[in-house]
Amino acid sequence: MASIDRLSPLLESFRVHTRLFHTGPLCGVTTFAAVPGRGFLHILREGEMELAHEGAPGLGGVRRIDEPSVLFYPRPVAHVFRNAPTEDSDFACAAVDFDGGASHPLVRTLPPMIVLPLSAVSTLEPALAMLFAEIDEVRCGRRVLADRLFEVVLIQLLRWLLDHAEEVALPTGLLTGLTDWRLARVLVALHEEPGRAWSLRAMAEEARMSRSSFAARFTQLVGVPPADYLAGWRITLAQGRLRDGDTVTRIAHELGYSGAPALSRAFAQRTGHSPRAWLALDSVGTTSDGCSASSATTTSTSVMSSCWRQTPSAEQSLRAG
């Protein structure tokens, strides 16, 4: 599996952007609102806290975290940190914006929340050391470099998840498919060459399996038949390229369709809209809900604490950035 890069084709087609908005203590009650298209990546460096969720099915109740941990929310989930009114806690928090929002392939396949002790994810140590070294001192380019280092931390976390899928009970989907070396060969090939004339036979040969065994294994681990996955991947790519201003004719040629009408039919079957109508609706949605990657000024955190006065608020940090 080491010879197969399972993440780069995904992240090159659908990028992830992180933005540091708070470092230091959090005291009292800190609420992180669910903003469409936005996730969060928190690092509890020191201290302990209680974690609660509002209106999130399956995440109810209060969870106590009493050791340094990473908390990753790939999708919009309102959550609350409760800390004692002291300055003993130390956090680094970043907003995470996925290109395409909810349609990003990783957003669709990840669980709503991942909480891991830092001691369990030793591969994060080098990236976290660099991140902490940057945020602990004010130097030229600090904010930009911290944002990039949070992206490195996120990619390292995704690597770890691929290698420890059973430990975190990943739901059936793309990531569980990528944990199987035979399916990973096929999925990476589909991601890298979406315009190739893929047949079930060609995919099975890539996986070095019989057609029946491949189709059954793929459906079991990924959750959909191979042809359905390929069709969905192509439409997701088409959506991203429409956002970038490409024409339907050009997109159809690059993604293996016979022409613009064929792509338009497949697009309508998947989305319920023609490419042009979908793009108009998508543009309105991005403007109204602030889910584009450039909308990092959206208020994501409200804070009530006694020791917060000594550090900039998350809202102030987002605006200042």
C-alpha atoms as a PDB file:
ATOM      1  CA  MET A   1       0.000   0.000   0.000  1.00  0.00           C
ATOM      2  CA  ALA A   2       2.967   2.312   0.577  1.00  0.00           C
ATOM      3  CA  SER A   3       3.453   2.629  -3.188  1.00  0.00           C
ATOM      4  CA  ILE A   4      -0.070   4.009  -3.696  1.00  0.00           C
ATOM      5  CA  ASP A   5      -0.771   7.652  -2.861  1.00  0.00           C
ATOM      6  CA  ARG A   6      -4.411   7.429  -1.846  1.00  0.00           C
ATOM      7  CA  LEU A   7      -4.928  11.054  -0.811  1.00  0.00           C
ATOM      8  CA  SER A   8      -3.198  13.329  -3.318  1.00  0.00           C
ATOM      9  CA  PRO A   9      -5.608  12.742  -6.243  1.00  0.00           C
ATOM     10  CA  LEU A  10      -8.489  13.633  -3.913  1.00  0.00           C
ATOM     11  CA  LEU A  11      -6.911  16.705  -2.356  1.00  0.00           C
ATOM     12  CA  GLU A  12      -5.612  17.999  -5.687  1.00  0.00           C
ATOM     13  CA  SER A  13      -9.115  17.893  -7.171  1.00  0.00           C
ATOM     14  CA  PHE A  14     -10.941  19.061  -4.026  1.00  0.00           C
ATOM     15  CA  ARG A  15      -8.780  21.192  -1.818  1.00  0.00           C
ATOM     16  CA  VAL A  16      -9.093  21.785   1.904  1.00  0.00           C
ATOM     17  CA  HIS A  17      -8.325  25.180   3.472  1.00  0.00           C
ATOM     18  CA  THR A  18      -7.601  25.735   7.150  1.00  0.00           C
ATOM     19  CA  ARG A  19      -7.448  29.008   9.024  1.00  0.00           C
ATOM     20  CA  LEU A  20      -6.160  29.523  12.542  1.00  0.00           C
ATOM     21  CA  PHE A  21      -8.555  31.677  14.571  1.00  0.00           C
ATOM     22  CA  HIS A  22      -7.564  31.104  18.204  1.00  0.00           C
ATOM     23  CA  THR A  23      -4.586  30.120  20.326  1.00  0.00           C
ATOM     24  CA  GLY A  24      -4.377  30.088  24.100  1.00  0.00           C
ATOM     25  CA  PRO A  25      -6.800  29.392  26.943  1.00  0.00           C
ATOM     26  CA  LEU A  26     -10.551  28.986  26.706  1.00  0.00           C
ATOM     27  CA  CYS A  27     -12.434  29.488  29.956  1.00  0.00           C
ATOM     28  CA  GLY A  28     -16.066  29.042  30.885  1.00  0.00           C
ATOM     29  CA  VAL A  29     -18.415  28.139  28.019  1.00  0.00           C
ATOM     30  CA  THR A  30     -17.290  28.363  24.386  1.00  0.00           C
ATOM     31  CA  THR A  31     -19.873  27.719  21.661  1.00  0.00           C
ATOM     32  CA  PHE A  32     -18.878  26.898  18.094  1.00  0.00           C
ATOM     33  CA  ALA A  33     -21.820  27.392  15.743  1.00  0.00           C
ATOM     34  CA  ALA A  34     -22.604  25.139  12.789  1.00  0.00           C
ATOM     35  CA  VAL A  35     -21.785  27.225   9.703  1.00  0.00           C
ATOM     36  CA  PRO A  36     -22.720  25.682   6.314  1.00  0.00           C
ATOM     37  CA  GLY A  37     -19.660  24.404   4.495  1.00  0.00           C
ATOM     38  CA  ARG A  38     -17.354  24.735   7.497  1.00  0.00           C
ATOM     39  CA  GLY A  39     -15.645  22.278   9.802  1.00  0.00           C
ATOM     40  CA  PHE A  40     -13.292  22.701  12.730  1.00  0.00           C
ATOM     41  CA  LEU A  41      -9.945  21.306  13.789  1.00  0.00           C
ATOM     42  CA  HIS A  42      -9.114  21.838  17.477  1.00  0.00           C
ATOM     43  CA  ILE A  43      -5.959  20.878  19.321  1.00  0.00           C
ATOM     44  CA  LEU A  44      -6.219  20.693  23.110  1.00  0.00           C
ATOM     45  CA  ARG A  45      -2.584  21.172  24.033  1.00  0.00           C
ATOM     46  CA  GLU A  46      -3.026  21.240  27.798  1.00  0.00           C
ATOM     47  CA  GLY A  47      -5.789  21.045  30.364  1.00  0.00           C
ATOM     48  CA  GLU A  48      -9.157  19.308  30.379  1.00  0.00           C
ATOM     49  CA  MET A  49     -12.724  20.106  29.399  1.00  0.00           C
ATOM     50  CA  GLU A  50     -16.240  18.848  28.863  1.00  0.00           C
ATOM     51  CA  LEU A  51     -17.519  18.558  25.294  1.00  0.00           C
ATOM     52  CA  ALA A  52     -21.215  18.806  24.438  1.00  0.00           C
ATOM     53  CA  HIS A  53     -23.219  18.944  21.205  1.00  0.00           C
ATOM     54  CA  GLU A  54     -26.422  20.737  20.325  1.00  0.00           C
ATOM     55  CA  GLY A  55     -28.914  19.212  17.912  1.00  0.00           C
ATOM     56  CA  ALA A  56     -26.479  16.585  16.616  1.00  0.00           C
ATOM     57  CA  PRO A  57     -28.061  13.103  16.439  1.00  0.00           C
ATOM     58  CA  GLY A  58     -25.708  10.429  17.694  1.00  0.00           C
ATOM     59  CA  LEU A  59     -23.409  12.902  19.422  1.00  0.00           C
ATOM     60  CA  GLY A  60     -25.591  13.661  22.425  1.00  0.00           C
ATOM     61  CA  GLY A  61     -24.450  13.739  26.011  1.00  0.00           C
ATOM     62  CA  VAL A  62     -21.404  15.269  27.637  1.00  0.00           C
ATOM     63  CA  ARG A  63     -17.940  13.872  27.021  1.00  0.00           C
ATOM     64  CA  ARG A  64     -14.987  14.608  29.278  1.00  0.00           C
ATOM     65  CA  ILE A  65     -11.569  15.077  27.691  1.00  0.00           C
ATOM     66  CA  ASP A  66      -8.732  15.072  30.214  1.00  0.00           C
ATOM     67  CA  GLU A  67      -5.597  14.745  28.082  1.00  0.00           C
ATOM     68  CA  PRO A  68      -4.094  16.524  25.057  1.00  0.00           C
ATOM     69  CA  SER A  69      -6.269  15.619  22.085  1.00  0.00           C
ATOM     70  CA  VAL A  70      -7.185  16.454  18.505  1.00  0.00           C
ATOM     71  CA  LEU A  71     -10.851  17.120  17.734  1.00  0.00           C
ATOM     72  CA  PHE A  72     -11.892  17.156  14.086  1.00  0.00           C
ATOM     73  CA  TYR A  73     -15.336  18.153  12.793  1.00  0.00           C
ATOM     74  CA  PRO A  74     -15.386  17.690   8.997  1.00  0.00           C
ATOM     75  CA  ARG A  75     -19.016  18.832   8.772  1.00  0.00           C
ATOM     76  CA  PRO A  76     -20.959  21.669  10.385  1.00  0.00           C
ATOM     77  CA  VAL A  77     -21.779  20.495  13.914  1.00  0.00           C
ATOM     78  CA  ALA A  78     -22.566  22.896  16.746  1.00  0.00           C
ATOM     79  CA  HIS A  79     -20.408  22.041  19.752  1.00  0.00           C
ATOM     80  CA  VAL A  80     -19.623  23.496  23.145  1.00  0.00           C
ATOM     81  CA  PHE A  81     -16.436  23.449  25.217  1.00  0.00           C
ATOM     82  CA  ARG A  82     -16.839  23.826  28.968  1.00  0.00           C
ATOM     83  CA  ASN A  83     -13.665  24.719  30.821  1.00  0.00           C
ATOM     84  CA  ALA A  84     -13.004  25.645  34.432  1.00  0.00           C
ATOM     85  CA  PRO A  85     -12.574  29.433  34.884  1.00  0.00           C
ATOM     86  CA  THR A  86      -8.784  29.213  35.037  1.00  0.00           C
ATOM     87  CA  GLU A  87      -5.993  29.720  32.566  1.00  0.00           C
ATOM     88  CA  ASP A  88      -4.790  26.113  32.682  1.00  0.00           C
ATOM     89  CA  SER A  89      -6.228  25.099  29.305  1.00  0.00           C
ATOM     90  CA  ASP A  90      -4.352  25.743  26.072  1.00  0.00           C
ATOM     91  CA  PHE A  91      -5.922  25.422  22.619  1.00  0.00           C
ATOM     92  CA  ALA A  92      -5.099  25.917  18.968  1.00  0.00           C
ATOM     93  CA  CYS A  93      -8.245  26.142  16.829  1.00  0.00           C
ATOM     94  CA  ALA A  94      -8.715  26.381  13.074  1.00  0.00           C
ATOM     95  CA  ALA A  95     -11.706  26.661  10.772  1.00  0.00           C
ATOM     96  CA  VAL A  96     -11.729  24.086   7.962  1.00  0.00           C
ATOM     97  CA  ASP A  97     -13.291  24.889   4.577  1.00  0.00           C
ATOM     98  CA  PHE A  98     -13.699  22.134   1.997  1.00  0.00           C
ATOM     99  CA  ASP A  99     -13.931  23.001  -1.696  1.00  0.00           C
ATOM    100  CA  GLY A 100     -17.469  22.122  -2.704  1.00  0.00           C
ATOM    101  CA  GLY A 101     -18.734  22.125   0.885  1.00  0.00           C
ATOM    102  CA  ALA A 102     -20.953  19.105   1.588  1.00  0.00           C
ATOM    103  CA  SER A 103     -20.158  17.613  -1.840  1.00  0.00           C
ATOM    104  CA  HIS A 104     -16.448  17.250  -1.005  1.00  0.00           C
ATOM    105  CA  PRO A 105     -15.666  13.501  -1.203  1.00  0.00           C
ATOM    106  CA  LEU A 106     -13.981  13.455   2.203  1.00  0.00           C
ATOM    107  CA  VAL A 107     -16.815  15.330   3.894  1.00  0.00           C
ATOM    108  CA  ARG A 108     -19.266  12.727   2.635  1.00  0.00           C
ATOM    109  CA  THR A 109     -17.233   9.774   3.919  1.00  0.00           C
ATOM    110  CA  LEU A 110     -15.909  10.950   7.308  1.00  0.00           C
ATOM    111  CA  PRO A 111     -17.823  10.582  10.573  1.00  0.00           C
ATOM    112  CA  PRO A 112     -19.281  13.827  12.000  1.00  0.00           C
ATOM    113  CA  MET A 113     -16.656  13.968  14.768  1.00  0.00           C
ATOM    114  CA  ILE A 114     -13.250  12.445  15.455  1.00  0.00           C
ATOM    115  CA  VAL A 115     -11.617  12.783  18.886  1.00  0.00           C
ATOM    116  CA  LEU A 116      -8.209  11.205  19.449  1.00  0.00           C
ATOM    117  CA  PRO A 117      -5.609  11.570  22.207  1.00  0.00           C
ATOM    118  CA  LEU A 118      -2.421  13.045  20.795  1.00  0.00           C
ATOM    119  CA  SER A 119      -0.533  10.165  22.415  1.00  0.00           C
ATOM    120  CA  ALA A 120      -2.359   7.754  20.076  1.00  0.00           C
ATOM    121  CA  VAL A 121      -1.388   9.645  16.922  1.00  0.00           C
ATOM    122  CA  SER A 122       2.390   9.786  17.125  1.00  0.00           C
ATOM    123  CA  THR A 123       2.698  10.681  13.432  1.00  0.00           C
ATOM    124  CA  LEU A 124       1.251  14.105  14.232  1.00  0.00           C
ATOM    125  CA  GLU A 125       4.140  15.018  16.528  1.00  0.00           C
ATOM    126  CA  PRO A 126       6.514  16.606  13.933  1.00  0.00           C
ATOM    127  CA  ALA A 127       3.766  18.710  12.334  1.00  0.00           C
ATOM    128  CA  LEU A 128       2.362  19.762  15.710  1.00  0.00           C
ATOM    129  CA  ALA A 129       5.844  20.736  16.936  1.00  0.00           C
ATOM    130  CA  MET A 130       6.243  23.060  13.952  1.00  0.00           C
ATOM    131  CA  LEU A 131       2.719  24.439  14.403  1.00  0.00           C
ATOM    132  CA  PHE A 132       3.212  25.154  18.109  1.00  0.00           C
ATOM    133  CA  ALA A 133       6.603  26.751  17.453  1.00  0.00           C
ATOM    134  CA  GLU A 134       4.923  29.178  15.044  1.00  0.00           C
ATOM    135  CA  ILE A 135       1.902  30.097  17.134  1.00  0.00           C
ATOM    136  CA  ASP A 136       3.894  30.535  20.354  1.00  0.00           C
ATOM    137  CA  GLU A 137       5.891  33.448  18.937  1.00  0.00           C
ATOM    138  CA  VAL A 138       4.939  36.463  16.843  1.00  0.00           C
ATOM    139  CA  ARG A 139       7.130  36.413  13.741  1.00  0.00           C
ATOM    140  CA  CYS A 140       6.834  37.550  10.149  1.00  0.00           C
ATOM    141  CA  GLY A 141       4.380  35.404   8.212  1.00  0.00           C
ATOM    142  CA  ARG A 142       3.160  33.697  11.388  1.00  0.00           C
ATOM    143  CA  ARG A 143      -0.527  33.632  10.480  1.00  0.00           C
ATOM    144  CA  VAL A 144      -0.007  32.395   6.917  1.00  0.00           C
ATOM    145  CA  LEU A 145       2.444  29.713   7.987  1.00  0.00           C
ATOM    146  CA  ALA A 146       0.184  28.581  10.842  1.00  0.00           C
ATOM    147  CA  ASP A 147      -2.671  28.139   8.357  1.00  0.00           C
ATOM    148  CA  ARG A 148      -0.485  25.977   6.121  1.00  0.00           C
ATOM    149  CA  LEU A 149       0.769  23.924   9.060  1.00  0.00           C
ATOM    150  CA  PHE A 150      -2.798  23.235  10.153  1.00  0.00           C
ATOM    151  CA  GLU A 151      -3.350  21.809   6.655  1.00  0.00           C
ATOM    152  CA  VAL A 152      -0.297  19.579   7.177  1.00  0.00           C
ATOM    153  CA  VAL A 153      -1.743  18.412  10.507  1.00  0.00           C
ATOM    154  CA  LEU A 154      -5.051  17.624   8.805  1.00  0.00           C
ATOM    155  CA  ILE A 155      -3.396  15.594   6.028  1.00  0.00           C
ATOM    156  CA  GLN A 156      -1.335  13.703   8.605  1.00  0.00           C
ATOM    157  CA  LEU A 157      -4.565  12.972  10.491  1.00  0.00           C
ATOM    158  CA  LEU A 158      -6.211  11.663   7.316  1.00  0.00           C
ATOM    159  CA  ARG A 159      -3.187   9.432   6.707  1.00  0.00           C
ATOM    160  CA  TRP A 160      -3.524   8.030  10.211  1.00  0.00           C
ATOM    161  CA  LEU A 161      -7.238   7.394   9.735  1.00  0.00           C
ATOM    162  CA  LEU A 162      -6.567   5.392   6.570  1.00  0.00           C
ATOM    163  CA  ASP A 163      -4.107   3.209   8.460  1.00  0.00           C
ATOM    164  CA  HIS A 164      -6.345   2.801  11.531  1.00  0.00           C
ATOM    165  CA  ALA A 165      -9.831   2.651  10.032  1.00  0.00           C
ATOM    166  CA  GLU A 166     -11.015  -0.131  12.317  1.00  0.00           C
ATOM    167  CA  GLU A 167      -9.922   1.706  15.479  1.00  0.00           C
ATOM    168  CA  VAL A 168     -12.100   4.727  14.701  1.00  0.00           C
ATOM    169  CA  ALA A 169     -14.943   2.723  13.135  1.00  0.00           C
ATOM    170  CA  LEU A 170     -15.051   4.669   9.883  1.00  0.00           C
ATOM    171  CA  PRO A 171     -18.460   4.439   8.207  1.00  0.00           C
ATOM    172  CA  THR A 172     -18.774   2.598   4.896  1.00  0.00           C
ATOM    173  CA  GLY A 173     -17.606   4.868   2.107  1.00  0.00           C
ATOM    174  CA  LEU A 174     -14.621   6.117   0.165  1.00  0.00           C
ATOM    175  CA  LEU A 175     -12.124   5.923   3.034  1.00  0.00           C
ATOM    176  CA  THR A 176     -13.013   2.346   3.913  1.00  0.00           C
ATOM    177  CA  GLY A 177     -12.588   1.479   0.244  1.00  0.00           C
ATOM    178  CA  LEU A 178      -9.146   3.074   0.256  1.00  0.00           C
ATOM    179  CA  THR A 179      -8.077   0.869   3.167  1.00  0.00           C
ATOM    180  CA  ASP A 180      -8.280  -2.206   0.917  1.00  0.00           C
ATOM    181  CA  TRP A 181      -5.158  -2.303  -1.269  1.00  0.00           C
ATOM    182  CA  ARG A 182      -6.971  -3.911  -4.211  1.00  0.00           C
ATOM    183  CA  LEU A 183      -9.816  -1.380  -4.179  1.00  0.00           C
ATOM    184  CA  ALA A 184      -7.364   1.439  -3.504  1.00  0.00           C
ATOM    185  CA  ARG A 185      -5.647   0.687  -6.820  1.00  0.00           C
ATOM    186  CA  VAL A 186      -8.954   1.112  -8.613  1.00  0.00           C
ATOM    187  CA  LEU A 187     -10.145   4.163  -6.676  1.00  0.00           C
ATOM    188  CA  VAL A 188      -6.859   6.009  -7.226  1.00  0.00           C
ATOM    189  CA  ALA A 189      -7.000   5.145 -10.939  1.00  0.00           C
ATOM    190  CA  LEU A 190     -10.587   6.430 -11.177  1.00  0.00           C
ATOM    191  CA  HIS A 191      -9.601   9.633  -9.378  1.00  0.00           C
ATOM    192  CA  GLU A 192      -6.585  10.195 -11.612  1.00  0.00           C
ATOM    193  CA  GLU A 193      -8.190   9.163 -14.928  1.00  0.00           C
ATOM    194  CA  PRO A 194     -11.919   9.920 -14.718  1.00  0.00           C
ATOM    195  CA  GLY A 195     -12.178  10.331 -18.482  1.00  0.00           C
ATOM    196  CA  ARG A 196     -10.927   6.854 -19.296  1.00  0.00           C
ATOM    197  CA  ALA A 197     -13.463   4.434 -20.787  1.00  0.00           C
ATOM    198  CA  TRP A 198     -13.882   2.409 -17.627  1.00  0.00           C
ATOM    199  CA  SER A 199     -15.771  -0.875 -17.768  1.00  0.00           C
ATOM    200  CA  LEU A 200     -16.358  -3.329 -14.933  1.00  0.00           C
ATOM    201  CA  ARG A 201     -13.798  -5.588 -16.556  1.00  0.00           C
ATOM    202  CA  ALA A 202     -11.175  -2.816 -16.703  1.00  0.00           C
ATOM    203  CA  MET A 203     -11.751  -1.947 -13.039  1.00  0.00           C
ATOM    204  CA  ALA A 204     -11.570  -5.586 -11.973  1.00  0.00           C
ATOM    205  CA  GLU A 205      -8.297  -6.016 -13.882  1.00  0.00           C
ATOM    206  CA  GLU A 206      -6.892  -2.949 -12.110  1.00  0.00           C
ATOM    207  CA  ALA A 207      -7.828  -4.573  -8.796  1.00  0.00           C
ATOM    208  CA  ARG A 208      -6.458  -7.946  -9.969  1.00  0.00           C
ATOM    209  CA  MET A 209      -9.754  -9.617  -9.097  1.00  0.00           C
ATOM    210  CA  SER A 210     -12.537 -11.375 -10.959  1.00  0.00           C
ATOM    211  CA  ARG A 211     -15.430  -9.139 -12.012  1.00  0.00           C
ATOM    212  CA  SER A 212     -17.919 -10.709  -9.621  1.00  0.00           C
ATOM    213  CA  SER A 213     -15.557 -10.663  -6.633  1.00  0.00           C
ATOM    214  CA  PHE A 214     -14.512  -7.100  -7.375  1.00  0.00           C
ATOM    215  CA  ALA A 215     -18.075  -5.804  -7.731  1.00  0.00           C
ATOM    216  CA  ALA A 216     -19.142  -7.488  -4.483  1.00  0.00           C
ATOM    217  CA  ARG A 217     -16.106  -6.270  -2.520  1.00  0.00           C
ATOM    218  CA  PHE A 218     -16.389  -2.737  -3.876  1.00  0.00           C
ATOM    219  CA  THR A 219     -20.078  -2.476  -2.994  1.00  0.00           C
ATOM    220  CA  GLN A 220     -19.436  -3.902   0.477  1.00  0.00           C
ATOM    221  CA  LEU A 221     -16.661  -1.456   1.409  1.00  0.00           C
ATOM    222  CA  VAL A 222     -17.567   1.669  -0.563  1.00  0.00           C
ATOM    223  CA  GLY A 223     -21.329   1.326  -0.228  1.00  0.00           C
ATOM    224  CA  VAL A 224     -22.251   1.689  -3.906  1.00  0.00           C
ATOM    225  CA  PRO A 225     -21.526  -0.376  -7.049  1.00  0.00           C
ATOM    226  CA  PRO A 226     -18.385   0.589  -9.033  1.00  0.00           C
ATOM    227  CA  ALA A 227     -20.330   2.152 -11.923  1.00  0.00           C
ATOM    228  CA  ASP A 228     -22.374   4.301  -9.527  1.00  0.00           C
ATOM    229  CA  TYR A 229     -19.223   5.502  -7.784  1.00  0.00           C
ATOM    230  CA  LEU A 230     -17.585   6.439 -11.085  1.00  0.00           C
ATOM    231  CA  ALA A 231     -20.709   8.298 -12.223  1.00  0.00           C
ATOM    232  CA  GLY A 232     -20.855  10.201  -8.939  1.00  0.00           C
ATOM    233  CA  TRP A 233     -17.140  11.021  -9.048  1.00  0.00           C
ATOM    234  CA  ARG A 234     -17.447  12.426 -12.557  1.00  0.00           C
ATOM    235  CA  ILE A 235     -20.428  14.599 -11.629  1.00  0.00           C
ATOM    236  CA  THR A 236     -18.639  15.864  -8.506  1.00  0.00           C
ATOM    237  CA  LEU A 237     -15.649  16.796 -10.682  1.00  0.00           C
ATOM    238  CA  ALA A 238     -18.000  18.467 -13.174  1.00  0.00           C
ATOM    239  CA  GLN A 239     -19.507  20.563 -10.386  1.00  0.00           C
ATOM    240  CA  GLY A 240     -16.082  21.791  -9.345  1.00  0.00           C
ATOM    241  CA  ARG A 241     -15.129  22.680 -12.904  1.00  0.00           C
ATOM    242  CA  LEU A 242     -18.410  24.491 -13.469  1.00  0.00           C
ATOM    243  CA  ARG A 243     -17.573  26.608 -10.429  1.00  0.00           C
ATOM    244  CA  ASP A 244     -14.183  27.319 -12.005  1.00  0.00           C
ATOM    245  CA  GLY A 245     -15.862  28.599 -15.199  1.00  0.00           C
ATOM    246  CA  ASP A 246     -15.242  25.664 -17.562  1.00  0.00           C
ATOM    247  CA  THR A 247     -17.773  25.050 -20.340  1.00  0.00           C
ATOM    248  CA  VAL A 248     -20.026  21.993 -20.371  1.00  0.00           C
ATOM    249  CA  THR A 249     -18.522  20.913 -23.698  1.00  0.00           C
ATOM    250  CA  ARG A 250     -14.976  21.013 -22.376  1.00  0.00           C
ATOM    251  CA  ILE A 251     -15.911  19.236 -19.145  1.00  0.00           C
ATOM    252  CA  ALA A 252     -17.751  16.519 -21.087  1.00  0.00           C
ATOM    253  CA  HIS A 253     -14.685  15.880 -23.244  1.00  0.00           C
ATOM    254  CA  GLU A 254     -12.320  15.673 -20.258  1.00  0.00           C
ATOM    255  CA  LEU A 255     -14.579  13.382 -18.209  1.00  0.00           C
ATOM    256  CA  GLY A 256     -15.275  10.789 -20.889  1.00  0.00           C
ATOM    257  CA  TYR A 257     -18.760  11.761 -22.071  1.00  0.00           C
ATOM    258  CA  SER A 258     -19.658  11.633 -25.751  1.00  0.00           C
ATOM    259  CA  GLY A 259     -20.602  15.303 -25.671  1.00  0.00           C
ATOM    260  CA  ALA A 260     -22.327  18.096 -23.774  1.00  0.00           C
ATOM    261  CA  PRO A 261     -25.828  16.555 -24.086  1.00  0.00           C
ATOM    262  CA  ALA A 262     -24.624  13.278 -22.531  1.00  0.00           C
ATOM    263  CA  LEU A 263     -23.059  15.124 -19.603  1.00  0.00           C
ATOM    264  CA  SER A 264     -26.171  17.269 -19.161  1.00  0.00           C
ATOM    265  CA  ARG A 265     -28.365  14.154 -18.993  1.00  0.00           C
ATOM    266  CA  ALA A 266     -26.095  12.447 -16.461  1.00  0.00           C
ATOM    267  CA  PHE A 267     -25.838  15.665 -14.466  1.00  0.00           C
ATOM    268  CA  ALA A 268     -29.622  16.083 -14.319  1.00  0.00           C
ATOM    269  CA  GLN A 269     -30.069  12.462 -13.229  1.00  0.00           C
ATOM    270  CA  ARG A 270     -27.695  13.021 -10.308  1.00  0.00           C
ATOM    271  CA  THR A 271     -28.621  16.540  -9.223  1.00  0.00           C
ATOM    272  CA  GLY A 272     -32.124  17.126 -10.583  1.00  0.00           C
ATOM    273  CA  HIS A 273     -30.900  20.175 -12.529  1.00  0.00           C
ATOM    274  CA  SER A 274     -29.105  20.984 -15.739  1.00  0.00           C
ATOM    275  CA  PRO A 275     -25.473  22.126 -15.301  1.00  0.00           C
ATOM    276  CA  ARG A 276     -26.426  25.768 -15.950  1.00  0.00           C
ATOM    277  CA  ALA A 277     -29.379  25.698 -13.529  1.00  0.00           C
ATOM    278  CA  TRP A 278     -27.302  23.931 -10.873  1.00  0.00           C
ATOM    279  CA  LEU A 279     -24.511  26.492 -11.169  1.00  0.00           C
ATOM    280  CA  ALA A 280     -26.984  29.352 -10.718  1.00  0.00           C
ATOM    281  CA  LEU A 281     -28.430  27.724  -7.605  1.00  0.00           C
ATOM    282  CA  ASP A 282     -24.960  26.923  -6.258  1.00  0.00           C
ATOM    283  CA  SER A 283     -23.834  30.523  -6.714  1.00  0.00           C
ATOM    284  CA  VAL A 284     -26.839  31.818  -4.797  1.00  0.00           C
ATOM    285  CA  GLY A 285     -26.265  29.298  -2.002  1.00  0.00           C
ATOM    286  CA  THR A 286     -22.590  30.170  -1.649  1.00  0.00           C
ATOM    287  CA  THR A 287     -23.394  33.857  -1.443  1.00  0.00           C
ATOM    288  CA  SER A 288     -26.193  33.458   1.088  1.00  0.00           C
ATOM    289  CA  ASP A 289     -24.706  30.918   3.486  1.00  0.00           C
ATOM    290  CA  GLY A 290     -21.091  32.015   3.341  1.00  0.00           C
ATOM    291  CA  CYS A 291     -19.709  28.560   2.673  1.00  0.00           C
ATOM    292  CA  SER A 292     -17.037  29.584   0.193  1.00  0.00           C
ATOM    293  CA  ALA A 293     -13.438  29.199   1.290  1.00  0.00           C
ATOM    294  CA  SER A 294     -12.953  32.967   1.227  1.00  0.00           C
ATOM    295  CA  SER A 295     -15.688  33.599   3.781  1.00  0.00           C
ATOM    296  CA  ALA A 296     -13.534  33.043   6.846  1.00  0.00           C
ATOM    297  CA  THR A 297     -14.898  36.240   8.376  1.00  0.00           C
ATOM    298  CA  THR A 298     -18.105  34.404   9.247  1.00  0.00           C
ATOM    299  CA  THR A 299     -18.520  34.412  13.014  1.00  0.00           C
ATOM    300  CA  SER A 300     -18.031  30.849  14.194  1.00  0.00           C
ATOM    301  CA  THR A 301     -17.572  31.196  17.900  1.00  0.00           C
ATOM    302  CA  SER A 302     -19.251  33.004  20.757  1.00  0.00           C
ATOM    303  CA  VAL A 303     -17.362  33.101  24.014  1.00  0.00           C
ATOM    304  CA  MET A 304     -18.262  33.764  27.610  1.00  0.00           C
ATOM    305  CA  SER A 305     -15.323  33.491  29.991  1.00  0.00           C
ATOM    306  CA  SER A 306     -13.530  35.213  32.773  1.00  0.00           C
ATOM    307  CA  CYS A 307      -9.993  34.722  31.452  1.00  0.00           C
ATOM    308  CA  TRP A 308     -10.849  35.397  27.790  1.00  0.00           C
ATOM    309  CA  ARG A 309     -10.064  39.089  28.170  1.00  0.00           C
ATOM    310  CA  GLN A 310      -6.371  38.253  28.045  1.00  0.00           C
ATOM    311  CA  THR A 311      -6.550  36.759  24.539  1.00  0.00           C
ATOM    312  CA  PRO A 312      -8.296  37.953  21.334  1.00  0.00           C
ATOM    313  CA  SER A 313     -11.719  36.454  20.805  1.00  0.00           C
ATOM    314  CA  ALA A 314     -12.289  34.004  17.982  1.00  0.00           C
ATOM    315  CA  GLU A 315     -14.570  36.523  16.309  1.00  0.00           C
ATOM    316  CA  GLN A 316     -11.897  39.225  16.527  1.00  0.00           C
ATOM    317  CA  SER A 317      -9.242  36.847  15.219  1.00  0.00           C
ATOM    318  CA  LEU A 318     -11.350  35.889  12.220  1.00  0.00           C
ATOM    319  CA  ARG A 319     -12.060  39.523  11.375  1.00  0.00           C
ATOM    320  CA  ALA A 320      -8.436  40.575  11.865  1.00  0.00           C
ATOM    321  CA  GLY A 321      -7.189  37.760   9.592  1.00  0.00           C
END
